[in-house]
C-alpha atoms as a PDB file:
ATOM      1  CA  MET A   1     117.060 104.285  39.464  1.00  0.00           C
ATOM      2  CA  THR A   2     117.440 101.879  36.563  1.00  0.00           C
ATOM      3  CA  GLN A   3     120.314 102.480  34.170  1.00  0.00           C
ATOM      4  CA  SER A   4     119.814 101.828  30.458  1.00  0.00           C
ATOM      5  CA  ASP A   5     123.053  99.836  30.337  1.00  0.00           C
ATOM      6  CA  PHE A   6     126.647  99.709  31.482  1.00  0.00           C
ATOM      7  CA  ALA A   7     129.131 102.252  30.123  1.00  0.00           C
ATOM      8  CA  VAL A   8     131.018  99.408  28.413  1.00  0.00           C
ATOM      9  CA  PRO A   9     129.593  96.625  26.230  1.00  0.00           C
ATOM     10  CA  VAL A  10     129.046  93.181  27.713  1.00  0.00           C
ATOM     11  CA  ALA A  11     132.145  91.801  25.958  1.00  0.00           C
ATOM     12  CA  ASP A  12     134.394  94.395  27.660  1.00  0.00           C
ATOM     13  CA  ARG A  13     133.000  94.323  31.204  1.00  0.00           C
ATOM     14  CA  HIS A  14     135.278  93.621  34.122  1.00  0.00           C
ATOM     15  CA  PHE A  15     134.864  93.556  37.886  1.00  0.00           C
ATOM     16  CA  GLU A  16     135.352  97.343  38.138  1.00  0.00           C
ATOM     17  CA  ASP A  17     132.263  97.948  35.958  1.00  0.00           C
ATOM     18  CA  TYR A  18     129.876  96.373  38.491  1.00  0.00           C
ATOM     19  CA  VAL A  19     129.164  99.341  40.760  1.00  0.00           C
ATOM     20  CA  PRO A  20     127.133  98.704  43.928  1.00  0.00           C
ATOM     21  CA  GLY A  21     123.744 100.381  43.866  1.00  0.00           C
ATOM     22  CA  ARG A  22     123.342 100.414  40.096  1.00  0.00           C
ATOM     23  CA  THR A  23     120.278  98.717  38.637  1.00  0.00           C
ATOM     24  CA  TYR A  24     119.737  97.424  35.104  1.00  0.00           C
ATOM     25  CA  GLU A  25     116.896  95.698  33.255  1.00  0.00           C
ATOM     26  CA  TYR A  26     117.291  93.101  30.529  1.00  0.00           C
ATOM     27  CA  GLY A  27     115.483  90.478  28.588  1.00  0.00           C
ATOM     28  CA  SER A  28     112.158  89.617  27.186  1.00  0.00           C
ATOM     29  CA  VAL A  29     111.238  85.963  27.186  1.00  0.00           C
ATOM     30  CA  THR A  30     107.696  84.868  26.434  1.00  0.00           C
ATOM     31  CA  VAL A  31     106.922  81.483  27.946  1.00  0.00           C
ATOM     32  CA  THR A  32     104.852  79.015  25.925  1.00  0.00           C
ATOM     33  CA  GLU A  33     102.780  76.102  27.154  1.00  0.00           C
ATOM     34  CA  ALA A  34     104.869  73.719  25.038  1.00  0.00           C
ATOM     35  CA  GLU A  35     108.115  74.954  26.663  1.00  0.00           C
ATOM     36  CA  ILE A  36     106.649  74.643  30.148  1.00  0.00           C
ATOM     37  CA  VAL A  37     105.534  71.071  29.527  1.00  0.00           C
ATOM     38  CA  GLU A  38     108.748  70.061  27.726  1.00  0.00           C
ATOM     39  CA  PHE A  39     111.001  71.379  30.497  1.00  0.00           C
ATOM     40  CA  ALA A  40     108.876  69.844  33.236  1.00  0.00           C
ATOM     41  CA  ARG A  41     108.587  66.424  31.606  1.00  0.00           C
ATOM     42  CA  ARG A  42     112.350  66.322  31.461  1.00  0.00           C
ATOM     43  CA  PHE A  43     113.321  67.942  34.765  1.00  0.00           C
ATOM     44  CA  ASP A  44     110.331  68.518  37.104  1.00  0.00           C
ATOM     45  CA  PRO A  45     107.550  66.053  36.231  1.00  0.00           C
ATOM     46  CA  GLN A  46     104.752  67.288  38.456  1.00  0.00           C
ATOM     47  CA  THR A  47     101.224  67.554  37.054  1.00  0.00           C
ATOM     48  CA  MET A  48     100.997  71.302  37.752  1.00  0.00           C
ATOM     49  CA  HIS A  49     103.785  71.630  35.127  1.00  0.00           C
ATOM     50  CA  THR A  50     103.042  68.758  32.742  1.00  0.00           C
ATOM     51  CA  GLU A  51      99.276  68.183  32.515  1.00  0.00           C
ATOM     52  CA  PRO A  52      97.172  71.233  31.574  1.00  0.00           C
ATOM     53  CA  GLU A  53      93.838  69.536  32.372  1.00  0.00           C
ATOM     54  CA  ALA A  54      94.965  68.260  35.777  1.00  0.00           C
ATOM     55  CA  ALA A  55      96.659  71.587  36.523  1.00  0.00           C
ATOM     56  CA  ALA A  56      93.365  73.394  35.854  1.00  0.00           C
ATOM     57  CA  ARG A  57      91.835  71.448  38.751  1.00  0.00           C
ATOM     58  CA  GLY A  58      94.837  72.000  41.015  1.00  0.00           C
ATOM     59  CA  ALA A  59      95.886  74.623  43.523  1.00  0.00           C
ATOM     60  CA  PHE A  60      97.063  77.102  40.867  1.00  0.00           C
ATOM     61  CA  GLY A  61      94.006  76.857  38.610  1.00  0.00           C
ATOM     62  CA  GLY A  62      96.105  76.138  35.536  1.00  0.00           C
ATOM     63  CA  LEU A  63      99.461  75.127  34.152  1.00  0.00           C
ATOM     64  CA  ILE A  64     102.495  76.856  35.699  1.00  0.00           C
ATOM     65  CA  ALA A  65     106.188  76.774  34.874  1.00  0.00           C
ATOM     66  CA  SER A  66     108.548  74.920  37.149  1.00  0.00           C
ATOM     67  CA  GLY A  67     110.516  77.299  39.349  1.00  0.00           C
ATOM     68  CA  TRP A  68     113.642  75.664  37.953  1.00  0.00           C
ATOM     69  CA  HIS A  69     112.467  76.555  34.441  1.00  0.00           C
ATOM     70  CA  THR A  70     112.024  80.162  35.575  1.00  0.00           C
ATOM     71  CA  ALA A  71     115.530  80.065  37.070  1.00  0.00           C
ATOM     72  CA  ALA A  72     116.950  78.704  33.792  1.00  0.00           C
ATOM     73  CA  MET A  73     115.268  81.468  31.767  1.00  0.00           C
ATOM     74  CA  THR A  74     116.628  83.982  34.272  1.00  0.00           C
ATOM     75  CA  MET A  75     120.150  82.642  33.780  1.00  0.00           C
ATOM     76  CA  ARG A  76     119.789  83.083  30.033  1.00  0.00           C
ATOM     77  CA  MET A  77     118.715  86.712  30.431  1.00  0.00           C
ATOM     78  CA  LEU A  78     121.591  87.325  32.859  1.00  0.00           C
ATOM     79  CA  ALA A  79     124.072  85.772  30.422  1.00  0.00           C
ATOM     80  CA  ASP A  80     122.718  87.766  27.473  1.00  0.00           C
ATOM     81  CA  GLY A  81     122.625  91.187  29.112  1.00  0.00           C
ATOM     82  CA  TRP A  82     124.179  91.610  32.532  1.00  0.00           C
ATOM     83  CA  LEU A  83     126.935  89.054  32.938  1.00  0.00           C
ATOM     84  CA  THR A  84     130.269  89.809  31.331  1.00  0.00           C
ATOM     85  CA  ALA A  85     130.746  87.623  28.284  1.00  0.00           C
ATOM     86  CA  THR A  86     134.504  87.290  28.635  1.00  0.00           C
ATOM     87  CA  GLN A  87     135.564  87.901  32.235  1.00  0.00           C
ATOM     88  CA  SER A  88     133.146  85.770  34.253  1.00  0.00           C
ATOM     89  CA  LEU A  89     135.087  83.074  36.067  1.00  0.00           C
ATOM     90  CA  ALA A  90     132.385  81.108  37.919  1.00  0.00           C
ATOM     91  CA  SER A  91     129.609  81.414  40.445  1.00  0.00           C
ATOM     92  CA  PRO A  92     129.869  80.107  43.981  1.00  0.00           C
ATOM     93  CA  GLY A  93     126.062  79.919  44.065  1.00  0.00           C
ATOM     94  CA  VAL A  94     122.892  81.832  44.815  1.00  0.00           C
ATOM     95  CA  ASP A  95     121.238  82.811  48.068  1.00  0.00           C
ATOM     96  CA  GLU A  96     117.626  83.457  48.930  1.00  0.00           C
ATOM     97  CA  LEU A  97     116.074  81.987  45.780  1.00  0.00           C
ATOM     98  CA  ARG A  98     112.336  82.675  45.989  1.00  0.00           C
ATOM     99  CA  TRP A  99     109.511  81.722  43.654  1.00  0.00           C
ATOM    100  CA  ILE A 100     106.971  84.402  44.485  1.00  0.00           C
ATOM    101  CA  LYS A 101     104.224  84.112  41.864  1.00  0.00           C
ATOM    102  CA  PRO A 102     103.462  81.425  39.305  1.00  0.00           C
ATOM    103  CA  VAL A 103     104.721  81.842  35.748  1.00  0.00           C
ATOM    104  CA  ARG A 104     102.026  80.885  33.248  1.00  0.00           C
ATOM    105  CA  PRO A 105     101.890  80.221  29.511  1.00  0.00           C
ATOM    106  CA  GLY A 106     101.979  83.538  27.659  1.00  0.00           C
ATOM    107  CA  ASP A 107     103.820  85.424  30.396  1.00  0.00           C
ATOM    108  CA  THR A 108     106.651  87.640  29.199  1.00  0.00           C
ATOM    109  CA  LEU A 109     109.549  87.869  31.622  1.00  0.00           C
ATOM    110  CA  ARG A 110     112.400  90.315  32.097  1.00  0.00           C
ATOM    111  CA  ILE A 111     115.005  90.792  34.809  1.00  0.00           C
ATOM    112  CA  ARG A 112     115.931  93.718  37.021  1.00  0.00           C
ATOM    113  CA  VAL A 113     119.432  93.353  38.482  1.00  0.00           C
ATOM    114  CA  THR A 114     120.902  95.525  41.225  1.00  0.00           C
ATOM    115  CA  THR A 115     124.561  95.214  42.158  1.00  0.00           C
ATOM    116  CA  VAL A 116     124.566  94.806  45.933  1.00  0.00           C
ATOM    117  CA  SER A 117     128.307  94.550  46.547  1.00  0.00           C
ATOM    118  CA  ALA A 118     131.589  94.160  44.689  1.00  0.00           C
ATOM    119  CA  GLU A 119     134.601  93.003  46.706  1.00  0.00           C
ATOM    120  CA  ARG A 120     138.020  92.318  45.290  1.00  0.00           C
ATOM    121  CA  SER A 121     139.534  89.058  46.473  1.00  0.00           C
ATOM    122  CA  ARG A 122     142.407  89.474  48.935  1.00  0.00           C
ATOM    123  CA  SER A 123     143.891  86.074  48.127  1.00  0.00           C
ATOM    124  CA  LYS A 124     143.473  86.374  44.331  1.00  0.00           C
ATOM    125  CA  PRO A 125     143.552  90.102  43.468  1.00  0.00           C
ATOM    126  CA  ASP A 126     142.990  89.449  39.769  1.00  0.00           C
ATOM    127  CA  ARG A 127     139.288  88.863  40.532  1.00  0.00           C
ATOM    128  CA  GLY A 128     136.393  90.017  42.655  1.00  0.00           C
ATOM    129  CA  LEU A 129     133.078  88.733  43.916  1.00  0.00           C
ATOM    130  CA  VAL A 130     129.974  90.572  42.739  1.00  0.00           C
ATOM    131  CA  ARG A 131     126.706  90.021  44.587  1.00  0.00           C
ATOM    132  CA  SER A 132     123.502  91.065  42.862  1.00  0.00           C
ATOM    133  CA  PHE A 133     119.828  91.144  43.725  1.00  0.00           C
ATOM    134  CA  VAL A 134     117.913  89.712  40.783  1.00  0.00           C
ATOM    135  CA  GLU A 135     114.181  90.159  40.327  1.00  0.00           C
ATOM    136  CA  VAL A 136     112.222  88.472  37.544  1.00  0.00           C
ATOM    137  CA  LEU A 137     109.173  90.443  36.486  1.00  0.00           C
ATOM    138  CA  ASN A 138     106.240  89.508  34.282  1.00  0.00           C
ATOM    139  CA  GLN A 139     104.388  91.715  31.820  1.00  0.00           C
ATOM    140  CA  ARG A 140     102.295  93.154  34.686  1.00  0.00           C
ATOM    141  CA  ASP A 141     105.467  94.244  36.537  1.00  0.00           C
ATOM    142  CA  GLU A 142     104.834  91.606  39.204  1.00  0.00           C
ATOM    143  CA  VAL A 143     107.926  90.018  40.723  1.00  0.00           C
ATOM    144  CA  VAL A 144     107.652  86.283  40.065  1.00  0.00           C
ATOM    145  CA  MET A 145     111.091  85.227  41.309  1.00  0.00           C
ATOM    146  CA  SER A 146     114.003  86.779  43.181  1.00  0.00           C
ATOM    147  CA  MET A 147     117.453  85.692  44.262  1.00  0.00           C
ATOM    148  CA  ILE A 148     120.828  86.977  45.327  1.00  0.00           C
ATOM    149  CA  GLY A 149     123.384  85.876  42.782  1.00  0.00           C
ATOM    150  CA  MET A 150     127.128  85.739  43.183  1.00  0.00           C
ATOM    151  CA  VAL A 151     129.750  85.678  40.464  1.00  0.00           C
ATOM    152  CA  LEU A 152     133.533  85.880  40.356  1.00  0.00           C
ATOM    153  CA  ILE A 153     134.704  88.345  37.722  1.00  0.00           C
ATOM    154  CA  ARG A 154     138.202  89.079  36.462  1.00  0.00           C
ATOM    155  CA  CYS A 155     139.537  92.572  37.223  1.00  0.00           C
ATOM    156  CA  ARG A 156     140.671  94.966  34.545  1.00  0.00           C
ATOM    157  CA  THR A 157     143.631  96.140  36.629  1.00  0.00           C
ATOM    158  CA  LEU A 158     145.606  94.821  39.575  1.00  0.00           C
ATOM    159  CA  PRO A 159     145.876  96.917  42.718  1.00  0.00           C
ATOM    160  CA  PRO A 160     149.143  98.876  43.191  1.00  0.00           C
END
């Protein structure tokens, strides 16, 4: 079941607020052709991302966003809604990053984030590692990307 939001605002979230099994949805980013081309020319210069006419003749039948562009938009939605604004320490990385369906100009994306696990660090008890399953959905509720994200988050309290 998807929650409307955490019990505390993003600025006050700590490790203890990320409860395994809870799911949240955030974001609304509409992708434009100009953004797709601009990102790809700079970071992923393949014709399926940079040349609308050539892309129309290619395997996807039209221009598609780079998967890295989709990942960057996902990070923005995570930062704006799910990720604590003040207590996030860093991320050791992501696992199982999958680009499932192409993202096209005009698509509107949102994220669905489920906390998979939250484990307090034994060596540094002022923080914990939160693992989350992140799905990126388009306006047709199709999953276009998924990943398992990890983030270290400062704890509100220290254990006794």
